[in-house]
């Protein structure tokens, strides 16, 4: 995965998990997110977003 802006990440999360989760975590995300970075991946996990969940929901589109 690549580094995403907050807006890009929220768009992906919105497609994968729906607008409710995206809207509820928007204020907790940094301006840039790197899912390959351990700290960012941990934050996403704590917010309910996982790589597996994204891949499953998006059918491998990432």
PDB file of N, CA and C in Angstrom:
ATOM      1  N   UNK A   1       0.839  -1.178   0.000  1.00  0.00           N
ATOM      2  CA  UNK A   1       0.000   0.000   0.000  1.00  0.00           C
ATOM      3  C   UNK A   1       0.885   1.243   0.000  1.00  0.00           C
ATOM      4  N   UNK A   2       0.281   2.356  -0.326  1.00  0.00           N
ATOM      5  CA  UNK A   2       1.018   3.608  -0.418  1.00  0.00           C
ATOM      6  C   UNK A   2       0.549   4.575   0.658  1.00  0.00           C
ATOM      7  N   UNK A   3       1.241   5.666   0.760  1.00  0.00           N
ATOM      8  CA  UNK A   3       0.829   6.729   1.666  1.00  0.00           C
ATOM      9  C   UNK A   3      -0.386   7.420   1.053  1.00  0.00           C
ATOM     10  N   UNK A   4      -1.401   7.652   1.887  1.00  0.00           N
ATOM     11  CA  UNK A   4      -2.634   8.292   1.432  1.00  0.00           C
ATOM     12  C   UNK A   4      -2.860   9.575   2.214  1.00  0.00           C
ATOM     13  N   UNK A   5      -3.479  10.537   1.553  1.00  0.00           N
ATOM     14  CA  UNK A   5      -3.927  11.708   2.290  1.00  0.00           C
ATOM     15  C   UNK A   5      -5.124  11.294   3.135  1.00  0.00           C
ATOM     16  N   UNK A   6      -5.459  12.110   4.079  1.00  0.00           N
ATOM     17  CA  UNK A   6      -6.621  11.835   4.931  1.00  0.00           C
ATOM     18  C   UNK A   6      -7.879  11.683   4.071  1.00  0.00           C
ATOM     19  N   UNK A   7      -8.059  12.550   3.094  1.00  0.00           N
ATOM     20  CA  UNK A   7      -9.237  12.497   2.224  1.00  0.00           C
ATOM     21  C   UNK A   7      -9.278  11.189   1.426  1.00  0.00           C
ATOM     22  N   UNK A   8      -8.123  10.777   0.903  1.00  0.00           N
ATOM     23  CA  UNK A   8      -8.066   9.511   0.152  1.00  0.00           C
ATOM     24  C   UNK A   8      -8.389   8.333   1.056  1.00  0.00           C
ATOM     25  N   UNK A   9      -7.814   8.336   2.251  1.00  0.00           N
ATOM     26  CA  UNK A   9      -8.057   7.243   3.194  1.00  0.00           C
ATOM     27  C   UNK A   9      -9.528   7.176   3.571  1.00  0.00           C
ATOM     28  N   UNK A  10     -10.125   8.325   3.829  1.00  0.00           N
ATOM     29  CA  UNK A  10     -11.543   8.340   4.196  1.00  0.00           C
ATOM     30  C   UNK A  10     -12.420   7.864   3.043  1.00  0.00           C
ATOM     31  N   UNK A  11     -12.062   8.196   1.816  1.00  0.00           N
ATOM     32  CA  UNK A  11     -12.829   7.719   0.660  1.00  0.00           C
ATOM     33  C   UNK A  11     -12.760   6.192   0.561  1.00  0.00           C
ATOM     34  N   UNK A  12     -11.585   5.629   0.803  1.00  0.00           N
ATOM     35  CA  UNK A  12     -11.417   4.171   0.776  1.00  0.00           C
ATOM     36  C   UNK A  12     -12.218   3.533   1.910  1.00  0.00           C
ATOM     37  N   UNK A  13     -12.107   4.094   3.093  1.00  0.00           N
ATOM     38  CA  UNK A  13     -12.837   3.558   4.254  1.00  0.00           C
ATOM     39  C   UNK A  13     -14.337   3.675   4.026  1.00  0.00           C
ATOM     40  N   UNK A  14     -14.772   4.770   3.455  1.00  0.00           N
ATOM     41  CA  UNK A  14     -16.194   4.971   3.172  1.00  0.00           C
ATOM     42  C   UNK A  14     -16.709   3.900   2.206  1.00  0.00           C
ATOM     43  N   UNK A  15     -15.929   3.590   1.161  1.00  0.00           N
ATOM     44  CA  UNK A  15     -16.337   2.544   0.202  1.00  0.00           C
ATOM     45  C   UNK A  15     -16.350   1.170   0.850  1.00  0.00           C
ATOM     46  N   UNK A  16     -15.368   0.909   1.699  1.00  0.00           N
ATOM     47  CA  UNK A  16     -15.227  -0.422   2.283  1.00  0.00           C
ATOM     48  C   UNK A  16     -16.147  -0.657   3.473  1.00  0.00           C
ATOM     49  N   UNK A  17     -16.264   0.332   4.332  1.00  0.00           N
ATOM     50  CA  UNK A  17     -16.972   0.150   5.603  1.00  0.00           C
ATOM     51  C   UNK A  17     -18.256   0.961   5.720  1.00  0.00           C
ATOM     52  N   UNK A  18     -18.447   1.913   4.827  1.00  0.00           N
ATOM     53  CA  UNK A  18     -19.638   2.741   4.874  1.00  0.00           C
ATOM     54  C   UNK A  18     -19.366   4.108   5.476  1.00  0.00           C
ATOM     55  N   UNK A  19     -20.304   5.028   5.255  1.00  0.00           N
ATOM     56  CA  UNK A  19     -20.103   6.408   5.689  1.00  0.00           C
ATOM     57  C   UNK A  19     -20.111   6.583   7.205  1.00  0.00           C
ATOM     58  N   UNK A  20     -20.821   5.740   7.928  1.00  0.00           N
ATOM     59  CA  UNK A  20     -20.886   5.922   9.382  1.00  0.00           C
ATOM     60  C   UNK A  20     -19.513   5.793  10.026  1.00  0.00           C
ATOM     61  N   UNK A  21     -18.772   4.740   9.667  1.00  0.00           N
ATOM     62  CA  UNK A  21     -17.437   4.561  10.247  1.00  0.00           C
ATOM     63  C   UNK A  21     -16.509   5.674   9.775  1.00  0.00           C
ATOM     64  N   UNK A  22     -16.540   5.975   8.481  1.00  0.00           N
ATOM     65  CA  UNK A  22     -15.659   7.021   7.956  1.00  0.00           C
ATOM     66  C   UNK A  22     -15.898   8.349   8.672  1.00  0.00           C
ATOM     67  N   UNK A  23     -17.148   8.706   8.824  1.00  0.00           N
ATOM     68  CA  UNK A  23     -17.467   9.971   9.492  1.00  0.00           C
ATOM     69  C   UNK A  23     -17.062   9.954  10.959  1.00  0.00           C
ATOM     70  N   UNK A  24     -17.222   8.808  11.619  1.00  0.00           N
ATOM     71  CA  UNK A  24     -16.935   8.748  13.055  1.00  0.00           C
ATOM     72  C   UNK A  24     -15.437   8.792  13.366  1.00  0.00           C
ATOM     73  N   UNK A  25     -14.585   8.377  12.433  1.00  0.00           N
ATOM     74  CA  UNK A  25     -13.148   8.362  12.703  1.00  0.00           C
ATOM     75  C   UNK A  25     -12.389   9.497  12.022  1.00  0.00           C
ATOM     76  N   UNK A  26     -13.075  10.290  11.220  1.00  0.00           N
ATOM     77  CA  UNK A  26     -12.410  11.343  10.441  1.00  0.00           C
ATOM     78  C   UNK A  26     -11.564  12.270  11.304  1.00  0.00           C
ATOM     79  N   UNK A  27     -12.045  12.626  12.456  1.00  0.00           N
ATOM     80  CA  UNK A  27     -11.313  13.542  13.318  1.00  0.00           C
ATOM     81  C   UNK A  27     -10.111  12.933  14.006  1.00  0.00           C
ATOM     82  N   UNK A  28      -9.982  11.619  13.933  1.00  0.00           N
ATOM     83  CA  UNK A  28      -8.886  10.932  14.618  1.00  0.00           C
ATOM     84  C   UNK A  28      -7.733  10.554  13.683  1.00  0.00           C
ATOM     85  N   UNK A  29      -7.918  10.793  12.393  1.00  0.00           N
ATOM     86  CA  UNK A  29      -6.882  10.425  11.433  1.00  0.00           C
ATOM     87  C   UNK A  29      -5.896  11.557  11.203  1.00  0.00           C
ATOM     88  N   UNK A  30      -4.617  11.224  11.006  1.00  0.00           N
ATOM     89  CA  UNK A  30      -3.623  12.256  10.675  1.00  0.00           C
ATOM     90  C   UNK A  30      -3.803  12.717   9.230  1.00  0.00           C
ATOM     91  N   UNK A  31      -3.077  13.767   8.840  1.00  0.00           N
ATOM     92  CA  UNK A  31      -3.192  14.309   7.484  1.00  0.00           C
ATOM     93  C   UNK A  31      -2.703  13.340   6.423  1.00  0.00           C
ATOM     94  N   UNK A  32      -1.736  12.495   6.771  1.00  0.00           N
ATOM     95  CA  UNK A  32      -1.248  11.452   5.858  1.00  0.00           C
ATOM     96  C   UNK A  32      -1.220  10.128   6.600  1.00  0.00           C
ATOM     97  N   UNK A  33      -1.565   9.056   5.885  1.00  0.00           N
ATOM     98  CA  UNK A  33      -1.649   7.739   6.491  1.00  0.00           C
ATOM     99  C   UNK A  33      -0.881   6.752   5.624  1.00  0.00           C
ATOM    100  N   UNK A  34       0.002   6.019   6.265  1.00  0.00           N
ATOM    101  CA  UNK A  34       0.767   4.977   5.584  1.00  0.00           C
ATOM    102  C   UNK A  34       0.415   3.649   6.251  1.00  0.00           C
ATOM    103  N   UNK A  35      -0.466   2.853   5.639  1.00  0.00           N
ATOM    104  CA  UNK A  35      -0.880   1.593   6.250  1.00  0.00           C
ATOM    105  C   UNK A  35       0.274   0.611   6.478  1.00  0.00           C
ATOM    106  N   UNK A  36       1.409   0.821   5.807  1.00  0.00           N
ATOM    107  CA  UNK A  36       2.566  -0.041   6.015  1.00  0.00           C
ATOM    108  C   UNK A  36       3.392   0.402   7.219  1.00  0.00           C
ATOM    109  N   UNK A  37       3.123   1.603   7.725  1.00  0.00           N
ATOM    110  CA  UNK A  37       3.790   2.109   8.920  1.00  0.00           C
ATOM    111  C   UNK A  37       3.097   1.500  10.136  1.00  0.00           C
ATOM    112  N   UNK A  38       3.871   0.926  11.038  1.00  0.00           N
ATOM    113  CA  UNK A  38       3.303   0.218  12.191  1.00  0.00           C
ATOM    114  C   UNK A  38       2.389   1.099  13.038  1.00  0.00           C
ATOM    115  N   UNK A  39       2.790   2.331  13.282  1.00  0.00           N
ATOM    116  CA  UNK A  39       1.974   3.227  14.112  1.00  0.00           C
ATOM    117  C   UNK A  39       0.647   3.560  13.426  1.00  0.00           C
ATOM    118  N   UNK A  40       0.692   3.828  12.116  1.00  0.00           N
ATOM    119  CA  UNK A  40      -0.537   4.129  11.382  1.00  0.00           C
ATOM    120  C   UNK A  40      -1.438   2.899  11.292  1.00  0.00           C
ATOM    121  N   UNK A  41      -0.843   1.737  11.058  1.00  0.00           N
ATOM    122  CA  UNK A  41      -1.624   0.495  10.990  1.00  0.00           C
ATOM    123  C   UNK A  41      -2.282   0.209  12.331  1.00  0.00           C
ATOM    124  N   UNK A  42      -1.568   0.470  13.421  1.00  0.00           N
ATOM    125  CA  UNK A  42      -2.130   0.266  14.761  1.00  0.00           C
ATOM    126  C   UNK A  42      -3.291   1.222  15.003  1.00  0.00           C
ATOM    127  N   UNK A  43      -3.141   2.475  14.609  1.00  0.00           N
ATOM    128  CA  UNK A  43      -4.220   3.445  14.758  1.00  0.00           C
ATOM    129  C   UNK A  43      -5.450   2.990  13.978  1.00  0.00           C
ATOM    130  N   UNK A  44      -5.255   2.613  12.726  1.00  0.00           N
ATOM    131  CA  UNK A  44      -6.381   2.150  11.918  1.00  0.00           C
ATOM    132  C   UNK A  44      -7.058   0.938  12.552  1.00  0.00           C
ATOM    133  N   UNK A  45      -6.257   0.006  13.064  1.00  0.00           N
ATOM    134  CA  UNK A  45      -6.803  -1.178  13.721  1.00  0.00           C
ATOM    135  C   UNK A  45      -7.655  -0.788  14.932  1.00  0.00           C
ATOM    136  N   UNK A  46      -7.135   0.112  15.756  1.00  0.00           N
ATOM    137  CA  UNK A  46      -7.882   0.558  16.940  1.00  0.00           C
ATOM    138  C   UNK A  46      -9.180   1.255  16.553  1.00  0.00           C
ATOM    139  N   UNK A  47      -9.216   1.841  15.355  1.00  0.00           N
ATOM    140  CA  UNK A  47     -10.424   2.510  14.877  1.00  0.00           C
ATOM    141  C   UNK A  47     -11.356   1.563  14.122  1.00  0.00           C
ATOM    142  N   UNK A  48     -10.957   0.297  14.001  1.00  0.00           N
ATOM    143  CA  UNK A  48     -11.818  -0.701  13.367  1.00  0.00           C
ATOM    144  C   UNK A  48     -11.547  -0.963  11.907  1.00  0.00           C
ATOM    145  N   UNK A  49     -10.418  -0.478  11.406  1.00  0.00           N
ATOM    146  CA  UNK A  49     -10.076  -0.649   9.991  1.00  0.00           C
ATOM    147  C   UNK A  49      -8.868  -1.578   9.893  1.00  0.00           C
ATOM    148  N   UNK A  50      -9.020  -2.668   9.154  1.00  0.00           N
ATOM    149  CA  UNK A  50      -7.910  -3.605   8.958  1.00  0.00           C
ATOM    150  C   UNK A  50      -7.631  -3.787   7.469  1.00  0.00           C
ATOM    151  N   UNK A  51      -6.411  -4.164   7.169  1.00  0.00           N
ATOM    152  CA  UNK A  51      -6.040  -4.450   5.777  1.00  0.00           C
ATOM    153  C   UNK A  51      -6.938  -5.552   5.220  1.00  0.00           C
ATOM    154  N   UNK A  52      -7.152  -6.594   6.018  1.00  0.00           N
ATOM    155  CA  UNK A  52      -7.991  -7.711   5.569  1.00  0.00           C
ATOM    156  C   UNK A  52      -9.421  -7.261   5.315  1.00  0.00           C
ATOM    157  N   UNK A  53      -9.930  -6.413   6.186  1.00  0.00           N
ATOM    158  CA  UNK A  53     -11.282  -5.892   6.014  1.00  0.00           C
ATOM    159  C   UNK A  53     -11.414  -5.044   4.758  1.00  0.00           C
ATOM    160  N   UNK A  54     -10.399  -4.244   4.505  1.00  0.00           N
ATOM    161  CA  UNK A  54     -10.412  -3.431   3.279  1.00  0.00           C
ATOM    162  C   UNK A  54     -10.365  -4.302   2.036  1.00  0.00           C
ATOM    163  N   UNK A  55      -9.474  -5.264   2.017  1.00  0.00           N
ATOM    164  CA  UNK A  55      -9.327  -6.145   0.859  1.00  0.00           C
ATOM    165  C   UNK A  55     -10.610  -6.940   0.650  1.00  0.00           C
ATOM    166  N   UNK A  56     -11.163  -7.494   1.718  1.00  0.00           N
ATOM    167  CA  UNK A  56     -12.407  -8.260   1.611  1.00  0.00           C
ATOM    168  C   UNK A  56     -13.543  -7.392   1.091  1.00  0.00           C
ATOM    169  N   UNK A  57     -13.676  -6.201   1.612  1.00  0.00           N
ATOM    170  CA  UNK A  57     -14.776  -5.322   1.230  1.00  0.00           C
ATOM    171  C   UNK A  57     -14.633  -4.781  -0.178  1.00  0.00           C
ATOM    172  N   UNK A  58     -13.411  -4.523  -0.581  1.00  0.00           N
ATOM    173  CA  UNK A  58     -13.177  -3.921  -1.886  1.00  0.00           C
ATOM    174  C   UNK A  58     -12.793  -4.931  -2.961  1.00  0.00           C
ATOM    175  N   UNK A  59     -12.741  -6.196  -2.597  1.00  0.00           N
ATOM    176  CA  UNK A  59     -12.433  -7.228  -3.587  1.00  0.00           C
ATOM    177  C   UNK A  59     -11.041  -7.108  -4.176  1.00  0.00           C
ATOM    178  N   UNK A  60     -10.076  -6.710  -3.368  1.00  0.00           N
ATOM    179  CA  UNK A  60      -8.693  -6.628  -3.834  1.00  0.00           C
ATOM    180  C   UNK A  60      -8.399  -5.389  -4.653  1.00  0.00           C
ATOM    181  N   UNK A  61      -9.231  -4.347  -4.593  1.00  0.00           N
ATOM    182  CA  UNK A  61      -9.028  -3.131  -5.375  1.00  0.00           C
ATOM    183  C   UNK A  61      -7.851  -2.295  -4.915  1.00  0.00           C
ATOM    184  N   UNK A  62      -7.344  -2.535  -3.713  1.00  0.00           N
ATOM    185  CA  UNK A  62      -6.288  -1.676  -3.191  1.00  0.00           C
ATOM    186  C   UNK A  62      -5.070  -1.851  -3.987  1.00  0.00           C
TER     187      UNK A  62
END
